[in-house]
Amino acid sequence: MKLFFSIIFLVAFSSVYSQNGIASFISPINEFTVFDKGTTLVLERTKVDSIRVGDNYLAYVDALANLKVYYNGEVHTIENVFPNRVVGTSQALVYKMQNRLMVFENGQKLQLAKWTNQFWIGEEIVVWIDLPSYDIMAYSKGSIYTIEKSADLKIIKEFKIGRNIFVYNDLNNHLKVFYEGNVYNSNTSNIVEFKCAKNIMAYYDEFYNEFKVFYKGQFKTICTFKPKEYEVSDDQVVYIDINDYFMIYYNDSTTKLLSYHPNYYSTANSILFYNYLLEYFVFYKGTVYSIEKFIPQKNVLIGFNSLLYLDNRNRVKCFIDGKTYESILLEKLKKKSLLRDLPVFNFGNNNIAFFYEGQVYKYSTIKISNKH
């Protein structure tokens, strides 16, 4: 195995990452207001419902039951009837109108299915059973695909959906992966436990005694033993091996993070957060960052590419895309939240603040209305 290890103490690195910056709040005179990358705009002066927030849009149902989407500085009315179900992902708004399955993405509305009663959603993929054919279909990156053609009412067995991946066992118990428009056969059978996230899936093959991953179109054996435990998040698999080493598979390489079982670890999206001997670390996109000591775990929130926390002096700090920002807000907090990678704070006399691109934006408000 290829091993590498590096520690960077609170130093930023360059990347193409762009922080999402859309949220909403209610003004002191009950105006529904959008926060869009440092600017604000009043969208409605009456009560709204079913708010959903993505990376580049904000959706809601107005007082007349119209489904509206704020996108690229404008409000679009996309339905005049309240949907049966509305789901907001980072990339798209997915909703169901009676039997129809619909999506709004990048300013465009598209019908995915005329009739479906079952569908599953990842951040960048939608999978559904198309009726009356019972074919398994998928939508990803603007295109519709057929995953499995139906020969009966039941087509697949166990399945899981990740950020942009769909993993399932077919009726012959063959483990398959749908990824970026293609179906990949693992040539492995009778696998009932597997986990997946963005670009990646992991499982243990008991017959060959191999711990395996599917990563960006290829299957690979990580090690020839069963891990004591493992978790999968975007582009990475973290596991405890038979020697109690704390390991991570990332970007087609394997790293030993610790020679011991960590005291605590949690992984979600692109973040692996762990501690050993009271020191807390973040593994993010191939680099280990030493974050802090003595952080109460209840004070930590994990985003897509970020970590929001209070240190042992109750100072607000945020790790975003490899950089740590300290003492973001000096006022005493009432509440903090992380809307994907956008820190949101409620403080003082019902005030709200957003932390975007290294700057704090403060507003007077009577209610926080972010939902996702």
Protein backbone atom coordinates (compact mmCIF):
# COMPACT_ATOMS: atom_id res chain seq x y z
CA MET A 1 0.00 0.00 0.00
CA LYS A 2 1.10 3.51 -0.75
CA LEU A 3 1.39 5.44 2.50
CA PHE A 4 1.63 9.19 2.96
CA PHE A 5 1.13 11.49 5.92
CA SER A 6 1.28 15.23 6.43
CA ILE A 7 0.12 17.67 9.09
CA ILE A 8 -0.57 21.33 8.45
CA PHE A 9 -1.28 23.62 11.37
CA LEU A 10 -4.14 25.94 10.35
CA VAL A 11 -2.74 26.87 6.95
CA ALA A 12 -4.94 27.45 3.90
CA PHE A 13 -4.29 25.92 0.51
CA SER A 14 -5.51 27.07 -2.87
CA SER A 15 -8.40 25.28 -4.56
CA VAL A 16 -11.32 25.86 -6.89
CA TYR A 17 -13.80 25.51 -4.04
CA SER A 18 -16.55 28.16 -3.87
CA GLN A 19 -18.52 28.58 -0.64
CA ASN A 20 -22.29 28.36 -1.03
CA GLY A 21 -23.88 31.60 0.08
CA ILE A 22 -27.69 31.41 -0.10
CA ALA A 23 -29.98 31.46 2.94
CA SER A 24 -33.11 33.25 4.13
CA PHE A 25 -34.53 35.12 7.11
CA ILE A 26 -37.58 37.11 8.21
CA SER A 27 -37.04 40.86 8.59
CA PRO A 28 -38.38 42.87 11.57
CA ILE A 29 -41.45 43.77 9.47
CA ASN A 30 -42.10 40.13 8.49
CA GLU A 31 -40.57 40.27 5.02
CA PHE A 32 -39.22 37.00 3.66
CA THR A 33 -35.67 37.95 2.69
CA VAL A 34 -32.96 36.06 0.81
CA PHE A 35 -29.30 36.37 1.69
CA ASP A 36 -27.37 35.83 -1.53
CA LYS A 37 -23.58 35.98 -1.24
CA GLY A 38 -23.49 39.16 0.81
CA THR A 39 -26.53 40.93 -0.60
CA THR A 40 -30.19 40.78 0.48
CA LEU A 41 -33.44 40.93 -1.43
CA VAL A 42 -37.05 40.88 -0.17
CA LEU A 43 -38.87 38.02 -1.91
CA GLU A 44 -42.28 38.06 -0.19
CA ARG A 45 -44.20 40.26 2.24
CA THR A 46 -46.53 37.47 3.33
CA LYS A 47 -45.92 34.16 5.07
CA VAL A 48 -44.08 31.42 3.15
CA ASP A 49 -43.71 27.69 3.73
CA SER A 50 -41.62 24.64 2.70
CA ILE A 51 -38.32 26.52 2.32
CA ARG A 52 -35.55 24.54 0.61
CA VAL A 53 -32.02 25.80 0.00
CA GLY A 54 -29.41 24.61 -2.49
CA ASP A 55 -25.99 25.83 -3.53
CA ASN A 56 -27.42 28.28 -6.09
CA TYR A 57 -31.15 28.47 -5.43
CA LEU A 58 -33.80 28.95 -2.75
CA ALA A 59 -37.29 27.44 -3.12
CA TYR A 60 -40.47 28.07 -1.16
CA VAL A 61 -44.25 27.94 -1.31
CA ASP A 62 -45.93 31.35 -1.08
CA ALA A 63 -49.22 32.29 0.63
CA LEU A 64 -51.20 31.33 -2.50
CA ALA A 65 -49.63 27.82 -2.61
CA ASN A 66 -47.41 28.67 -5.60
CA LEU A 67 -44.07 26.86 -5.70
CA LYS A 68 -41.40 29.46 -6.39
CA VAL A 69 -37.65 29.33 -6.88
CA TYR A 70 -35.19 32.18 -6.41
CA TYR A 71 -32.33 31.60 -8.85
CA ASN A 72 -29.71 33.92 -10.34
CA GLY A 73 -31.30 37.04 -8.82
CA GLU A 74 -34.84 36.32 -10.04
CA VAL A 75 -37.94 34.56 -8.69
CA HIS A 76 -39.52 31.89 -10.90
CA THR A 77 -43.03 30.49 -10.30
CA ILE A 78 -42.68 26.87 -11.37
CA GLU A 79 -46.00 25.40 -10.12
CA ASN A 80 -49.34 26.94 -9.15
CA VAL A 81 -50.37 24.02 -6.93
CA PHE A 82 -48.76 22.85 -3.69
CA PRO A 83 -46.58 19.78 -4.48
CA ASN A 84 -47.09 16.41 -2.79
CA ARG A 85 -43.44 16.41 -1.75
CA VAL A 86 -40.50 18.80 -2.10
CA VAL A 87 -36.83 17.88 -1.59
CA GLY A 88 -33.98 20.34 -1.86
CA THR A 89 -30.54 19.02 -2.76
CA SER A 90 -27.34 20.99 -3.24
CA GLN A 91 -27.74 20.89 -7.02
CA ALA A 92 -31.48 20.76 -7.71
CA LEU A 93 -35.00 21.04 -6.39
CA VAL A 94 -36.87 17.74 -6.77
CA TYR A 95 -40.62 17.60 -6.25
CA LYS A 96 -43.66 15.45 -6.98
CA MET A 97 -46.93 16.74 -8.44
CA GLN A 98 -49.44 13.93 -7.91
CA ASN A 99 -47.88 11.23 -10.15
CA ARG A 100 -45.35 13.44 -11.93
CA LEU A 101 -41.73 13.61 -10.77
CA MET A 102 -40.13 16.98 -11.53
CA VAL A 103 -36.78 18.69 -11.15
CA PHE A 104 -35.65 22.33 -11.27
CA GLU A 105 -31.93 22.68 -11.89
CA ASN A 106 -29.80 25.59 -13.14
CA GLY A 107 -32.87 27.65 -14.00
CA GLN A 108 -34.64 24.90 -15.98
CA LYS A 109 -37.68 22.78 -15.10
CA LEU A 110 -37.77 19.19 -16.35
CA GLN A 111 -40.25 16.34 -16.02
CA LEU A 112 -38.45 13.16 -15.02
CA ALA A 113 -41.44 10.80 -14.98
CA LYS A 114 -45.13 10.99 -15.87
CA TRP A 115 -45.97 8.42 -13.25
CA THR A 116 -44.01 7.12 -10.28
CA ASN A 117 -44.79 6.29 -6.68
CA GLN A 118 -41.28 5.55 -5.41
CA PHE A 119 -38.15 7.65 -5.78
CA TRP A 120 -34.85 8.18 -3.94
CA ILE A 121 -32.61 11.21 -3.92
CA GLY A 122 -28.92 11.92 -3.46
CA GLU A 123 -27.38 15.37 -3.66
CA GLU A 124 -26.58 14.90 -7.37
CA ILE A 125 -28.78 11.99 -8.44
CA VAL A 126 -32.47 11.00 -8.51
CA VAL A 127 -33.56 7.36 -8.90
CA TRP A 128 -37.15 6.19 -9.37
CA ILE A 129 -39.37 3.31 -10.45
CA ASP A 130 -41.04 4.32 -13.70
CA LEU A 131 -44.67 3.24 -14.07
CA PRO A 132 -46.25 1.29 -15.62
CA SER A 133 -43.01 -0.28 -16.94
CA TYR A 134 -41.37 -0.71 -13.47
CA ASP A 135 -37.99 0.15 -15.04
CA ILE A 136 -35.43 1.61 -12.65
CA MET A 137 -34.50 5.07 -13.93
CA ALA A 138 -32.01 7.76 -12.92
CA TYR A 139 -31.41 11.45 -13.47
CA SER A 140 -27.90 12.86 -13.17
CA LYS A 141 -26.19 15.96 -14.58
CA GLY A 142 -29.10 16.89 -16.83
CA SER A 143 -29.63 13.44 -18.39
CA ILE A 144 -32.08 10.57 -17.82
CA TYR A 145 -30.83 6.95 -17.82
CA THR A 146 -32.28 3.45 -17.56
CA ILE A 147 -30.50 1.51 -14.82
CA GLU A 148 -32.41 -1.79 -15.10
CA LYS A 149 -35.18 -2.85 -17.47
CA SER A 150 -38.06 -4.61 -15.77
CA ALA A 151 -39.09 -8.19 -16.41
CA ASP A 152 -41.23 -8.34 -13.27
CA LEU A 153 -42.65 -6.07 -10.59
CA LYS A 154 -39.52 -6.50 -8.50
CA ILE A 155 -36.21 -5.69 -10.18
CA ILE A 156 -33.63 -5.12 -7.46
CA LYS A 157 -33.03 -6.15 -3.86
CA GLU A 158 -30.87 -4.25 -1.37
CA PHE A 159 -29.85 -0.78 -2.51
CA LYS A 160 -28.34 2.46 -1.25
CA ILE A 161 -27.99 5.89 -2.77
CA GLY A 162 -25.01 8.20 -2.28
CA ARG A 163 -24.35 11.76 -3.36
CA ASN A 164 -24.01 10.79 -7.04
CA ILE A 165 -24.07 7.00 -7.00
CA PHE A 166 -26.64 4.18 -6.76
CA VAL A 167 -25.58 0.74 -5.48
CA TYR A 168 -27.82 -2.31 -5.57
CA ASN A 169 -28.12 -6.08 -5.78
CA ASP A 170 -30.04 -7.36 -8.78
CA LEU A 171 -32.41 -10.34 -8.60
CA ASN A 172 -29.44 -12.69 -9.09
CA ASN A 173 -27.72 -11.12 -6.06
CA HIS A 174 -25.04 -9.52 -8.24
CA LEU A 175 -23.70 -6.30 -6.72
CA LYS A 176 -23.87 -3.44 -9.22
CA VAL A 177 -23.10 0.27 -9.24
CA PHE A 178 -24.75 2.97 -11.32
CA TYR A 179 -22.33 5.87 -11.69
CA GLU A 180 -22.24 8.75 -14.21
CA GLY A 181 -24.56 7.09 -16.70
CA ASN A 182 -23.05 3.59 -16.59
CA VAL A 183 -23.80 0.37 -14.71
CA TYR A 184 -20.73 -1.43 -13.33
CA ASN A 185 -20.89 -5.10 -12.34
CA SER A 186 -18.67 -5.99 -9.38
CA ASN A 187 -18.66 -9.68 -10.36
CA THR A 188 -19.41 -10.28 -6.71
CA SER A 189 -22.52 -11.92 -5.28
CA ASN A 190 -24.38 -12.09 -1.98
CA ILE A 191 -23.08 -8.80 -0.57
CA VAL A 192 -25.75 -7.41 1.73
CA GLU A 193 -23.67 -4.80 3.58
CA PHE A 194 -22.20 -1.90 1.63
CA LYS A 195 -21.86 1.85 2.06
CA CYS A 196 -21.58 4.65 -0.48
CA ALA A 197 -21.13 8.41 -0.80
CA LYS A 198 -19.79 10.67 -3.57
CA ASN A 199 -17.87 8.75 -6.30
CA ILE A 200 -17.26 5.80 -3.96
CA MET A 201 -18.67 2.60 -2.48
CA ALA A 202 -17.08 0.12 -0.04
CA TYR A 203 -17.90 -3.45 0.99
CA TYR A 204 -16.36 -6.59 2.47
CA ASP A 205 -16.27 -9.69 0.26
CA GLU A 206 -16.47 -12.58 2.71
CA PHE A 207 -15.85 -15.26 0.08
CA TYR A 208 -12.44 -13.85 -0.90
CA ASN A 209 -11.76 -12.18 2.47
CA GLU A 210 -11.19 -8.82 0.76
CA PHE A 211 -12.19 -5.29 1.69
CA LYS A 212 -13.03 -3.58 -1.59
CA VAL A 213 -13.99 -0.21 -3.00
CA PHE A 214 -15.57 1.06 -6.16
CA TYR A 215 -14.06 4.46 -6.96
CA LYS A 216 -14.78 6.51 -10.08
CA GLY A 217 -15.50 3.54 -12.31
CA GLN A 218 -13.01 0.99 -10.97
CA PHE A 219 -13.14 -1.77 -8.37
CA LYS A 220 -10.11 -2.19 -6.15
CA THR A 221 -9.09 -4.31 -3.15
CA ILE A 222 -7.92 -2.16 -0.23
CA CYS A 223 -6.78 -5.00 2.02
CA THR A 224 -7.11 -8.75 2.43
CA PHE A 225 -8.91 -8.81 5.75
CA LYS A 226 -12.15 -7.63 7.24
CA PRO A 227 -11.90 -4.18 8.85
CA LYS A 228 -13.06 -3.91 12.44
CA GLU A 229 -15.25 -0.99 11.39
CA TYR A 230 -15.53 1.38 8.46
CA GLU A 231 -17.39 4.45 7.23
CA VAL A 232 -17.75 5.98 3.78
CA SER A 233 -17.97 9.68 2.92
CA ASP A 234 -17.27 11.71 -0.20
CA ASP A 235 -14.28 10.25 -2.12
CA GLN A 236 -12.99 8.43 0.96
CA VAL A 237 -13.29 5.36 3.18
CA VAL A 238 -12.10 5.45 6.78
CA TYR A 239 -11.56 2.18 8.64
CA ILE A 240 -9.92 0.44 11.58
CA ASP A 241 -7.71 -2.42 10.40
CA ILE A 242 -6.82 -5.65 12.22
CA ASN A 243 -3.88 -3.92 13.93
CA ASP A 244 -6.16 -1.17 15.26
CA TYR A 245 -4.54 1.31 12.85
CA PHE A 246 -6.76 4.20 11.88
CA MET A 247 -6.69 4.18 8.07
CA ILE A 248 -8.17 6.19 5.23
CA TYR A 249 -8.48 5.44 1.54
CA TYR A 250 -8.58 8.68 -0.46
CA ASN A 251 -7.83 9.54 -4.09
CA ASP A 252 -6.74 5.96 -4.85
CA SER A 253 -4.18 5.94 -2.01
CA THR A 254 -4.19 4.55 1.52
CA THR A 255 -3.00 6.57 4.52
CA LYS A 256 -2.36 5.54 8.11
CA LEU A 257 -3.69 8.43 10.17
CA LEU A 258 -2.98 6.92 13.59
CA SER A 259 -1.27 3.80 14.92
CA TYR A 260 -4.10 3.59 17.43
CA HIS A 261 -7.86 3.61 17.51
CA PRO A 262 -8.93 7.27 17.81
CA ASN A 263 -10.85 8.31 20.88
CA TYR A 264 -13.57 9.63 18.60
CA TYR A 265 -14.19 10.14 14.90
CA SER A 266 -16.99 11.26 12.63
CA THR A 267 -17.02 11.54 8.87
CA ALA A 268 -19.51 13.24 6.57
CA ASN A 269 -19.29 14.71 3.09
CA SER A 270 -15.63 15.78 2.54
CA ILE A 271 -14.77 16.02 6.25
CA LEU A 272 -13.20 13.48 8.58
CA PHE A 273 -13.11 14.82 12.14
CA TYR A 274 -11.29 12.85 14.83
CA ASN A 275 -9.33 13.19 18.03
CA TYR A 276 -6.61 11.41 19.95
CA LEU A 277 -5.20 12.39 23.36
CA LEU A 278 -7.43 15.49 23.51
CA GLU A 279 -6.18 16.93 20.20
CA TYR A 280 -8.66 17.25 17.35
CA PHE A 281 -7.83 16.84 13.68
CA VAL A 282 -9.52 17.21 10.32
CA PHE A 283 -8.60 15.13 7.29
CA TYR A 284 -9.72 17.13 4.27
CA LYS A 285 -8.89 16.39 0.63
CA GLY A 286 -5.65 14.57 1.35
CA THR A 287 -4.28 16.76 4.13
CA VAL A 288 -4.43 16.45 7.93
CA TYR A 289 -5.04 19.67 9.86
CA SER A 290 -4.50 20.04 13.59
CA ILE A 291 -7.55 22.00 14.68
CA GLU A 292 -7.81 22.43 18.43
CA LYS A 293 -7.58 20.86 21.86
CA PHE A 294 -10.37 20.27 24.37
CA ILE A 295 -13.34 20.87 22.05
CA PRO A 296 -16.69 19.73 23.49
CA GLN A 297 -18.03 17.44 20.76
CA LYS A 298 -21.56 18.79 21.22
CA ASN A 299 -20.29 22.17 20.00
CA VAL A 300 -19.11 20.83 16.62
CA LEU A 301 -21.11 20.93 13.37
CA ILE A 302 -19.88 19.27 10.16
CA GLY A 303 -20.76 20.74 6.77
CA PHE A 304 -19.90 19.69 3.23
CA ASN A 305 -16.39 21.21 3.28
CA SER A 306 -16.43 22.86 6.69
CA LEU A 307 -16.44 22.51 10.45
CA LEU A 308 -18.14 25.02 12.77
CA TYR A 309 -17.33 24.84 16.47
CA LEU A 310 -16.82 26.60 19.77
CA ASP A 311 -13.42 26.28 21.39
CA ASN A 312 -12.88 25.76 25.13
CA ARG A 313 -13.39 29.52 25.66
CA ASN A 314 -16.68 29.48 23.74
CA ARG A 315 -15.15 31.44 20.85
CA VAL A 316 -16.72 30.80 17.46
CA LYS A 317 -14.36 29.24 14.95
CA CYS A 318 -14.84 27.80 11.50
CA PHE A 319 -12.74 25.55 9.30
CA ILE A 320 -13.67 26.06 5.64
CA ASP A 321 -11.84 24.47 2.71
CA GLY A 322 -8.54 24.12 4.53
CA LYS A 323 -8.52 27.45 6.37
CA THR A 324 -9.52 28.15 9.98
CA TYR A 325 -11.21 31.44 10.84
CA GLU A 326 -11.02 32.47 14.50
CA SER A 327 -13.27 34.62 16.68
CA ILE A 328 -15.81 35.06 13.92
CA LEU A 329 -18.51 36.55 16.13
CA LEU A 330 -17.79 38.29 19.45
CA GLU A 331 -21.43 38.53 20.55
CA LYS A 332 -22.89 35.84 22.78
CA LEU A 333 -24.59 33.20 20.67
CA LYS A 334 -28.11 31.95 21.12
CA LYS A 335 -27.88 29.47 18.26
CA LYS A 336 -25.51 28.41 15.53
CA SER A 337 -26.11 26.30 12.43
CA LEU A 338 -24.29 25.26 9.29
CA LEU A 339 -26.28 25.45 6.06
CA ARG A 340 -24.07 23.17 3.99
CA ASP A 341 -20.97 25.40 4.23
CA LEU A 342 -22.64 28.67 5.24
CA PRO A 343 -22.38 29.40 9.01
CA VAL A 344 -25.52 31.04 10.41
CA PHE A 345 -25.71 32.67 13.86
CA ASN A 346 -28.58 33.92 16.02
CA PHE A 347 -27.45 36.37 18.70
CA GLY A 348 -28.41 39.40 20.77
CA ASN A 349 -31.94 40.75 20.47
CA ASN A 350 -33.06 38.35 17.74
CA ASN A 351 -30.29 39.25 15.32
CA ILE A 352 -28.94 37.00 12.58
CA ALA A 353 -25.51 36.82 10.97
CA PHE A 354 -23.97 34.91 8.07
CA PHE A 355 -20.28 34.17 7.57
CA TYR A 356 -19.47 34.21 3.87
CA GLU A 357 -16.06 34.36 2.15
CA GLY A 358 -14.29 35.46 5.34
CA GLN A 359 -16.73 38.24 6.21
CA VAL A 360 -19.58 38.48 8.77
CA TYR A 361 -22.90 39.94 7.59
CA LYS A 362 -25.25 40.99 10.40
CA TYR A 363 -28.99 41.74 10.18
CA SER A 364 -31.86 42.49 12.52
CA THR A 365 -34.47 39.73 12.44
CA ILE A 366 -37.33 38.23 14.43
CA LYS A 367 -37.05 34.71 13.14
CA ILE A 368 -34.52 32.38 11.52
CA SER A 369 -36.12 30.55 8.61
CA ASN A 370 -33.33 28.41 7.16
CA LYS A 371 -34.41 24.86 6.44
CA HIS A 372 -32.66 22.13 4.48
